[in-house]
Amino acid sequence: MKKITLLLLTLLLALTGGHAAQFLFVGTYTDGKPDKGIYVYEFHPASGALTLVSTAQNIVNPSFLSLTRDGKFLYACTETQTPQAGSVTAFAFDNQTRLLTEIGKQPTGGDNPAYITVDSLSRFVITANYTGGSLSVLPLRKDGRPEAVSQLISFSGKSMIQGRQDQSHPHSAVFSPGGAYLFCPDLGTDQIHIFSFDPEKPQPLTSFGQSSLRVRSGEGPRHFVFHPDHRYAYCINELGGSITTYRYHEGFLYSNQRMPAYAEPRDTYSGADIHLSPDGRFLYASNRGENTIAIFYVNASNRRLTLMGHRSTLGDHPRNFTLDPSGNFLLVANQNSHNIVVFRRDPLSGDITPTGTQISVPRPSCLVFGTYEPTQ
């Protein structure tokens, strides 16, 4: 009987090709010199364990990453936080050999790209150039290689906090559900810039409707995420230490709520990253300085937030974090303590608890998951 059962299991695995593989791509800072910069780990979804499988070599500060929908190509902001520099570097990923291969590189035309995104059709990559105060649009070839910048949009203005808001500082570029619009929080001018996106045009971005939404002075909007219902969005404000909830409709945003993200008031804040659980019931935010993850319950009717609590990130400077595809784990990149910590997430309460898994990575700054179906 046992032999028959084993034979059936073997046959089933042969027919299905086995289980999907999950990989975690880690972007880092390399102290401004060529070094190992991107680390690839296989993620084990039953336990949350991570196994290093490869690295990408001779890269300068690949601090933020974006993966195409099919997982074949990875794009990195490179030469970030280096004077008068900034580039996009493209990699092909082979999930069988588990290797990244560099396939192209282009300058962004704007200093210090802090965020990169790729549209759903893999026709363009867009970078938010923090120091350059601009957005760069680079067309993509069918083989994944980036071409020279086809559109560069520069911003002007400032806001109230001297030294941090003396000029424009775009900090992210996020597509709307469906991809018809792009939203760009600008930490320096306290605005969210809004564009229509048409992938059929060589210059796909045009100002839309209200063009930009001005937020409360001194907030410093940073990262932005849409709710799975597509009717609400959330922005973490770095300088205000807060989260703003917005109602969303066809390119327009309407402020709905502002919530403090830190456990205690501070003289200065440094809010960093923001993510929703896959079911949209909980929102998470990382707070540097305090080194916590804030946990919020999302109201089912109006999507307003209720603070549930804070959990230590077990490290210093949680610049970036992510949830695994199942939503059962939350992983935090603590940049200054050089560690990535894995937490198990309770889908009912939203709470997170350490699994005991920690990995050492030099200056981790971005975490991106990719899922790959087995080869038939």
Protein backbone atom coordinates (compact mmCIF):
# COMPACT_ATOMS: atom_id res chain seq x y z
CA MET A 1 0.00 0.00 0.00
CA LYS A 2 2.83 2.38 0.92
CA LYS A 3 4.57 1.62 -2.40
CA ILE A 4 1.38 2.42 -4.34
CA THR A 5 0.92 5.69 -2.43
CA LEU A 6 4.53 6.71 -3.08
CA LEU A 7 4.13 5.84 -6.76
CA LEU A 8 0.98 7.97 -7.01
CA LEU A 9 2.70 10.92 -5.33
CA THR A 10 5.67 10.60 -7.67
CA LEU A 11 3.32 10.49 -10.68
CA LEU A 12 1.42 13.54 -9.42
CA LEU A 13 4.64 15.54 -9.02
CA ALA A 14 5.71 14.50 -12.50
CA LEU A 15 2.40 15.65 -13.97
CA THR A 16 2.34 18.97 -12.14
CA GLY A 17 6.04 19.67 -12.44
CA GLY A 18 6.42 20.14 -8.68
CA HIS A 19 5.79 23.28 -6.67
CA ALA A 20 6.24 26.91 -7.66
CA ALA A 21 9.56 28.38 -6.56
CA GLN A 22 9.72 31.68 -4.71
CA PHE A 23 12.76 33.94 -4.73
CA LEU A 24 13.58 37.05 -2.72
CA PHE A 25 15.68 39.71 -4.47
CA VAL A 26 17.55 42.04 -2.11
CA GLY A 27 18.87 45.43 -3.19
CA THR A 28 21.62 47.08 -1.14
CA TYR A 29 23.99 50.01 -0.81
CA THR A 30 27.63 49.20 -1.66
CA ASP A 31 29.27 52.31 -0.17
CA GLY A 32 29.42 53.89 -3.61
CA LYS A 33 31.83 51.37 -5.12
CA PRO A 34 31.39 48.27 -7.31
CA ASP A 35 30.64 45.22 -5.20
CA LYS A 36 28.17 42.44 -4.62
CA GLY A 37 24.96 44.42 -4.71
CA ILE A 38 21.93 42.23 -5.36
CA TYR A 39 21.41 39.03 -3.37
CA VAL A 40 19.01 36.28 -4.49
CA TYR A 41 17.49 33.94 -1.90
CA GLU A 42 15.16 31.01 -2.32
CA PHE A 43 12.23 31.47 0.05
CA HIS A 44 10.70 28.45 1.77
CA PRO A 45 7.00 29.31 2.30
CA ALA A 46 6.32 26.61 4.87
CA SER A 47 8.88 27.91 7.37
CA GLY A 48 9.88 31.38 6.15
CA ALA A 49 13.51 30.24 5.83
CA LEU A 50 15.84 31.75 3.24
CA THR A 51 18.66 30.11 1.28
CA LEU A 52 21.21 32.22 -0.62
CA VAL A 53 21.40 31.02 -4.24
CA SER A 54 23.29 33.76 -6.12
CA THR A 55 24.52 37.36 -6.16
CA ALA A 56 25.01 40.03 -8.81
CA GLN A 57 28.54 41.43 -8.87
CA ASN A 58 30.24 44.76 -9.62
CA ILE A 59 27.23 47.01 -9.09
CA VAL A 60 27.18 50.42 -7.40
CA ASN A 61 24.35 51.01 -4.91
CA PRO A 62 21.47 49.01 -6.45
CA SER A 63 19.21 50.46 -3.78
CA PHE A 64 15.74 49.86 -5.25
CA LEU A 65 14.42 47.05 -7.44
CA SER A 66 11.43 46.28 -9.65
CA LEU A 67 10.52 42.94 -11.25
CA THR A 68 8.50 42.43 -14.43
CA ARG A 69 5.16 40.68 -14.02
CA ASP A 70 6.48 37.48 -15.60
CA GLY A 71 9.59 37.58 -13.39
CA LYS A 72 12.01 37.38 -16.32
CA PHE A 73 13.65 40.78 -15.87
CA LEU A 74 14.79 42.72 -12.82
CA TYR A 75 15.51 46.46 -12.91
CA ALA A 76 17.62 48.31 -10.37
CA CYS A 77 18.22 51.94 -9.49
CA THR A 78 22.02 52.08 -9.57
CA GLU A 79 24.65 54.69 -8.72
CA THR A 80 22.22 56.10 -6.18
CA GLN A 81 23.43 58.56 -3.54
CA THR A 82 26.52 59.28 -5.62
CA PRO A 83 27.23 62.85 -6.82
CA GLN A 84 25.81 63.77 -10.23
CA ALA A 85 24.95 60.19 -11.10
CA GLY A 86 22.07 57.79 -11.49
CA SER A 87 21.31 54.87 -13.75
CA VAL A 88 19.01 51.94 -14.48
CA THR A 89 20.62 48.50 -14.71
CA ALA A 90 18.68 45.57 -16.19
CA PHE A 91 19.11 41.89 -15.40
CA ALA A 92 17.65 38.71 -16.84
CA PHE A 93 16.77 36.08 -14.21
CA ASP A 94 16.88 32.36 -14.94
CA ASN A 95 14.85 30.56 -12.29
CA GLN A 96 16.45 27.24 -13.26
CA THR A 97 20.08 28.28 -12.82
CA ARG A 98 18.98 30.91 -10.25
CA LEU A 99 21.38 33.42 -11.76
CA LEU A 100 21.02 37.11 -12.61
CA THR A 101 22.73 38.23 -15.83
CA GLU A 102 23.27 41.93 -16.52
CA ILE A 103 21.82 42.79 -19.94
CA GLY A 104 21.92 46.58 -20.12
CA LYS A 105 22.41 49.90 -18.39
CA GLN A 106 21.28 53.46 -19.11
CA PRO A 107 21.72 56.81 -17.29
CA THR A 108 18.51 58.24 -15.85
CA GLY A 109 19.38 61.86 -16.60
CA GLY A 110 18.49 62.70 -12.99
CA ASP A 111 20.59 62.37 -9.85
CA ASN A 112 19.96 59.74 -7.20
CA PRO A 113 17.07 57.59 -8.48
CA ALA A 114 15.37 56.38 -5.29
CA TYR A 115 12.53 54.32 -6.77
CA ILE A 116 11.93 52.32 -9.94
CA THR A 117 8.81 50.76 -11.39
CA VAL A 118 7.95 48.87 -14.58
CA ASP A 119 4.55 49.03 -16.28
CA SER A 120 2.40 45.90 -16.53
CA LEU A 121 3.18 45.43 -20.24
CA SER A 122 6.95 45.72 -19.64
CA ARG A 123 7.26 48.55 -22.15
CA PHE A 124 8.75 51.22 -19.85
CA VAL A 125 10.64 51.65 -16.61
CA ILE A 126 10.19 54.85 -14.64
CA THR A 127 12.48 56.21 -11.94
CA ALA A 128 11.82 58.86 -9.30
CA ASN A 129 15.06 60.84 -9.06
CA TYR A 130 15.21 62.13 -5.49
CA THR A 131 18.11 64.59 -5.74
CA GLY A 132 17.46 65.43 -9.38
CA GLY A 133 13.86 66.41 -8.66
CA SER A 134 12.56 64.55 -11.70
CA LEU A 135 10.93 61.48 -13.24
CA SER A 136 12.75 59.51 -15.96
CA VAL A 137 10.99 57.28 -18.48
CA LEU A 138 13.04 54.65 -20.32
CA PRO A 139 11.55 52.44 -23.07
CA LEU A 140 12.23 48.72 -22.88
CA ARG A 141 13.07 46.42 -25.77
CA LYS A 142 11.38 43.04 -26.07
CA ASP A 143 14.58 41.41 -24.81
CA GLY A 144 14.31 43.48 -21.60
CA ARG A 145 17.12 45.91 -22.35
CA PRO A 146 16.47 49.56 -21.47
CA GLU A 147 16.85 52.26 -24.11
CA ALA A 148 17.89 55.87 -23.53
CA VAL A 149 15.52 58.16 -21.61
CA SER A 150 12.58 59.15 -23.82
CA GLN A 151 10.93 61.50 -21.31
CA LEU A 152 12.34 63.51 -18.41
CA ILE A 153 9.91 65.49 -16.26
CA SER A 154 11.44 68.01 -13.85
CA PHE A 155 9.67 69.48 -10.83
CA SER A 156 10.21 72.75 -8.97
CA GLY A 157 9.15 74.18 -5.64
CA LYS A 158 9.83 73.70 -1.95
CA SER A 159 8.09 73.49 1.41
CA MET A 160 8.59 74.41 5.06
CA ILE A 161 11.35 72.18 6.52
CA GLN A 162 14.76 73.69 5.82
CA GLY A 163 17.40 71.24 4.66
CA ARG A 164 14.83 68.60 3.69
CA GLN A 165 12.33 70.57 1.61
CA ASP A 166 14.43 73.20 -0.15
CA GLN A 167 13.64 71.65 -3.54
CA SER A 168 11.65 68.87 -5.17
CA HIS A 169 12.42 65.32 -3.97
CA PRO A 170 10.25 62.72 -5.76
CA HIS A 171 10.39 59.53 -3.70
CA SER A 172 8.26 56.98 -5.54
CA ALA A 173 6.29 56.36 -8.72
CA VAL A 174 3.27 54.07 -8.38
CA PHE A 175 0.86 52.91 -11.08
CA SER A 176 -2.86 52.94 -10.39
CA PRO A 177 -4.85 49.69 -10.57
CA GLY A 178 -5.16 49.02 -14.29
CA GLY A 179 -2.12 51.18 -15.04
CA ALA A 180 -3.86 54.22 -16.57
CA TYR A 181 -2.34 56.69 -14.08
CA LEU A 182 0.95 57.24 -12.26
CA PHE A 183 1.27 58.81 -8.80
CA CYS A 184 4.51 60.43 -7.64
CA PRO A 185 4.79 61.55 -3.98
CA ASP A 186 7.21 64.49 -3.75
CA LEU A 187 8.77 64.76 -0.29
CA GLY A 188 10.35 68.15 -1.05
CA THR A 189 7.29 70.07 -2.21
CA ASP A 190 4.55 68.30 -0.19
CA GLN A 191 2.69 67.26 -3.32
CA ILE A 192 1.58 64.08 -5.05
CA HIS A 193 2.08 64.55 -8.80
CA ILE A 194 -0.48 62.77 -10.99
CA PHE A 195 -0.06 61.68 -14.60
CA SER A 196 -1.99 59.82 -17.26
CA PHE A 197 -0.04 56.90 -18.70
CA ASP A 198 -0.37 55.74 -22.32
CA PRO A 199 2.01 52.89 -23.18
CA GLU A 200 1.39 53.41 -26.92
CA LYS A 201 3.23 56.76 -26.88
CA PRO A 202 7.04 57.18 -26.78
CA GLN A 203 6.48 59.83 -24.10
CA PRO A 204 3.73 58.06 -22.15
CA LEU A 205 3.22 60.51 -19.25
CA THR A 206 0.98 63.59 -19.42
CA SER A 207 -0.30 65.74 -16.55
CA PHE A 208 -3.76 64.69 -15.48
CA GLY A 209 -6.73 66.53 -13.98
CA GLN A 210 -5.62 68.19 -10.77
CA SER A 211 -2.00 67.66 -11.96
CA SER A 212 -0.78 67.50 -8.37
CA LEU A 213 -2.40 67.15 -4.99
CA ARG A 214 -0.95 69.37 -2.27
CA VAL A 215 -0.70 67.71 1.13
CA ARG A 216 -0.31 69.14 4.62
CA SER A 217 2.89 71.24 4.89
CA GLY A 218 5.85 69.43 6.38
CA GLU A 219 4.45 65.94 5.80
CA GLY A 220 6.99 64.86 3.21
CA PRO A 221 5.00 62.20 1.27
CA ARG A 222 7.20 59.19 0.46
CA HIS A 223 5.68 55.82 -0.54
CA PHE A 224 2.20 55.07 -1.83
CA VAL A 225 0.02 51.94 -2.06
CA PHE A 226 -3.46 51.11 -3.38
CA HIS A 227 -6.00 48.98 -1.55
CA PRO A 228 -7.02 45.73 -3.30
CA ASP A 229 -10.53 47.14 -3.75
CA HIS A 230 -9.02 49.86 -6.04
CA ARG A 231 -11.14 52.56 -4.34
CA TYR A 232 -8.67 53.71 -1.66
CA ALA A 233 -4.98 54.48 -1.38
CA TYR A 234 -2.50 55.18 1.42
CA CYS A 235 0.59 57.38 1.59
CA ILE A 236 3.29 57.24 4.27
CA ASN A 237 4.63 60.69 5.08
CA GLU A 238 8.31 60.53 6.02
CA LEU A 239 8.68 63.92 7.72
CA GLY A 240 5.27 63.98 9.38
CA GLY A 241 5.51 60.45 10.78
CA SER A 242 1.99 59.78 9.55
CA ILE A 243 -0.20 57.94 7.07
CA THR A 244 -2.86 59.59 4.93
CA THR A 245 -5.84 57.63 3.61
CA TYR A 246 -7.31 58.73 0.27
CA ARG A 247 -10.49 57.86 -1.56
CA TYR A 248 -9.60 57.17 -5.17
CA HIS A 249 -11.60 57.46 -8.40
CA GLU A 250 -10.24 57.49 -11.96
CA GLY A 251 -7.05 59.43 -11.28
CA PHE A 252 -8.40 61.68 -8.52
CA LEU A 253 -7.51 61.49 -4.82
CA TYR A 254 -9.62 62.78 -1.93
CA SER A 255 -8.15 62.92 1.58
CA ASN A 256 -10.08 60.73 4.00
CA GLN A 257 -7.97 60.40 7.18
CA ARG A 258 -4.57 61.19 8.70
CA MET A 259 -3.09 58.84 11.33
CA PRO A 260 0.16 59.06 13.34
CA ALA A 261 2.40 56.08 12.56
CA TYR A 262 4.84 56.34 15.47
CA ALA A 263 4.21 54.99 18.96
CA GLU A 264 5.39 58.23 20.61
CA PRO A 265 5.73 61.85 19.43
CA ARG A 266 9.26 62.80 18.29
CA ASP A 267 11.13 65.95 17.32
CA THR A 268 11.87 64.43 13.91
CA TYR A 269 10.29 61.55 12.04
CA SER A 270 11.57 59.22 9.34
CA GLY A 271 8.69 57.08 8.08
CA ALA A 272 9.86 54.75 5.33
CA ASP A 273 7.75 52.01 3.74
CA ILE A 274 4.10 50.94 3.58
CA HIS A 275 2.28 47.74 2.53
CA LEU A 276 -1.16 46.13 2.79
CA SER A 277 -1.92 42.49 3.53
CA PRO A 278 -3.13 40.60 0.43
CA ASP A 279 -6.73 40.62 1.73
CA GLY A 280 -6.58 44.37 2.46
CA ARG A 281 -7.58 43.93 6.13
CA PHE A 282 -4.32 45.23 7.62
CA LEU A 283 -1.83 47.94 6.76
CA TYR A 284 1.82 47.99 7.87
CA ALA A 285 4.30 50.88 8.02
CA SER A 286 8.00 51.03 8.95
CA ASN A 287 9.28 53.74 11.28
CA ARG A 288 12.99 54.50 11.28
CA GLY A 289 14.50 55.95 14.44
CA GLU A 290 11.86 54.18 16.50
CA ASN A 291 12.68 51.00 14.53
CA THR A 292 9.18 49.61 14.55
CA ILE A 293 6.51 48.24 12.28
CA ALA A 294 3.16 49.94 12.92
CA ILE A 295 0.13 47.66 12.47
CA PHE A 296 -3.26 49.09 11.48
CA TYR A 297 -6.65 47.47 11.02
CA VAL A 298 -8.43 48.62 7.85
CA ASN A 299 -12.16 49.27 8.28
CA ALA A 300 -14.19 47.14 5.86
CA SER A 301 -16.63 49.91 4.88
CA ASN A 302 -14.71 53.21 4.73
CA ARG A 303 -11.12 51.83 4.75
CA ARG A 304 -10.10 54.15 7.59
CA LEU A 305 -7.32 52.95 9.87
CA THR A 306 -7.29 51.86 13.51
CA LEU A 307 -3.91 51.47 15.17
CA MET A 308 -3.40 47.96 16.56
CA GLY A 309 0.15 48.35 17.89
CA HIS A 310 3.87 48.45 17.14
CA ARG A 311 6.47 45.70 16.89
CA SER A 312 10.26 46.05 17.00
CA THR A 313 12.02 45.34 13.70
CA LEU A 314 14.89 43.72 15.67
CA GLY A 315 17.34 45.96 13.88
CA ASP A 316 18.22 49.54 12.99
CA HIS A 317 16.77 51.69 10.20
CA PRO A 318 13.97 49.62 8.57
CA ARG A 319 14.17 51.31 5.18
CA ASN A 320 12.11 48.69 3.38
CA PHE A 321 9.95 45.65 4.10
CA THR A 322 7.61 43.33 2.24
CA LEU A 323 5.07 40.54 2.66
CA ASP A 324 5.54 37.18 0.98
CA PRO A 325 2.98 36.27 -1.73
CA SER A 326 0.82 34.28 0.72
CA GLY A 327 0.79 37.07 3.29
CA ASN A 328 1.89 34.62 5.98
CA PHE A 329 5.27 36.28 6.49
CA LEU A 330 6.58 39.82 6.74
CA LEU A 331 10.27 40.48 6.06
CA VAL A 332 12.11 43.64 7.17
CA ALA A 333 15.35 45.06 5.74
CA ASN A 334 17.20 46.88 8.54
CA GLN A 335 19.76 48.92 6.62
CA ASN A 336 22.07 50.13 9.41
CA SER A 337 22.21 46.84 11.34
CA HIS A 338 22.80 44.83 8.13
CA ASN A 339 20.09 42.26 8.74
CA ILE A 340 16.85 40.98 7.26
CA VAL A 341 14.38 39.66 9.83
CA VAL A 342 11.53 37.26 9.04
CA PHE A 343 8.25 37.56 10.99
CA ARG A 344 5.27 35.23 10.85
CA ARG A 345 1.98 37.10 10.31
CA ASP A 346 -1.33 36.10 11.88
CA PRO A 347 -3.95 36.71 9.15
CA LEU A 348 -6.75 37.03 11.73
CA SER A 349 -5.20 39.51 14.17
CA GLY A 350 -2.65 41.07 11.80
CA ASP A 351 0.06 40.70 14.46
CA ILE A 352 3.61 39.69 13.58
CA THR A 353 6.03 37.55 15.61
CA PRO A 354 9.70 36.72 14.89
CA THR A 355 10.31 33.30 13.39
CA GLY A 356 13.90 33.26 14.58
CA THR A 357 15.19 33.56 11.01
CA GLN A 358 17.60 36.44 10.46
CA ILE A 359 20.12 36.78 7.65
CA SER A 360 23.10 39.12 7.45
CA VAL A 361 23.23 41.33 4.35
CA PRO A 362 25.33 44.49 3.99
CA ARG A 363 23.07 47.59 4.05
CA PRO A 364 19.85 45.99 2.71
CA SER A 365 17.51 48.58 1.22
CA CYS A 366 14.88 46.80 -0.91
CA LEU A 367 13.06 43.45 -0.87
CA VAL A 368 11.16 42.08 -3.88
CA PHE A 369 9.50 38.66 -4.28
CA GLY A 370 9.19 36.66 -7.48
CA THR A 371 7.17 33.46 -7.97
CA TYR A 372 8.04 30.98 -10.72
CA GLU A 373 5.97 28.04 -11.85
CA PRO A 374 7.84 24.77 -12.37
CA THR A 375 9.05 23.95 -15.88
CA GLN A 376 7.01 21.21 -17.54
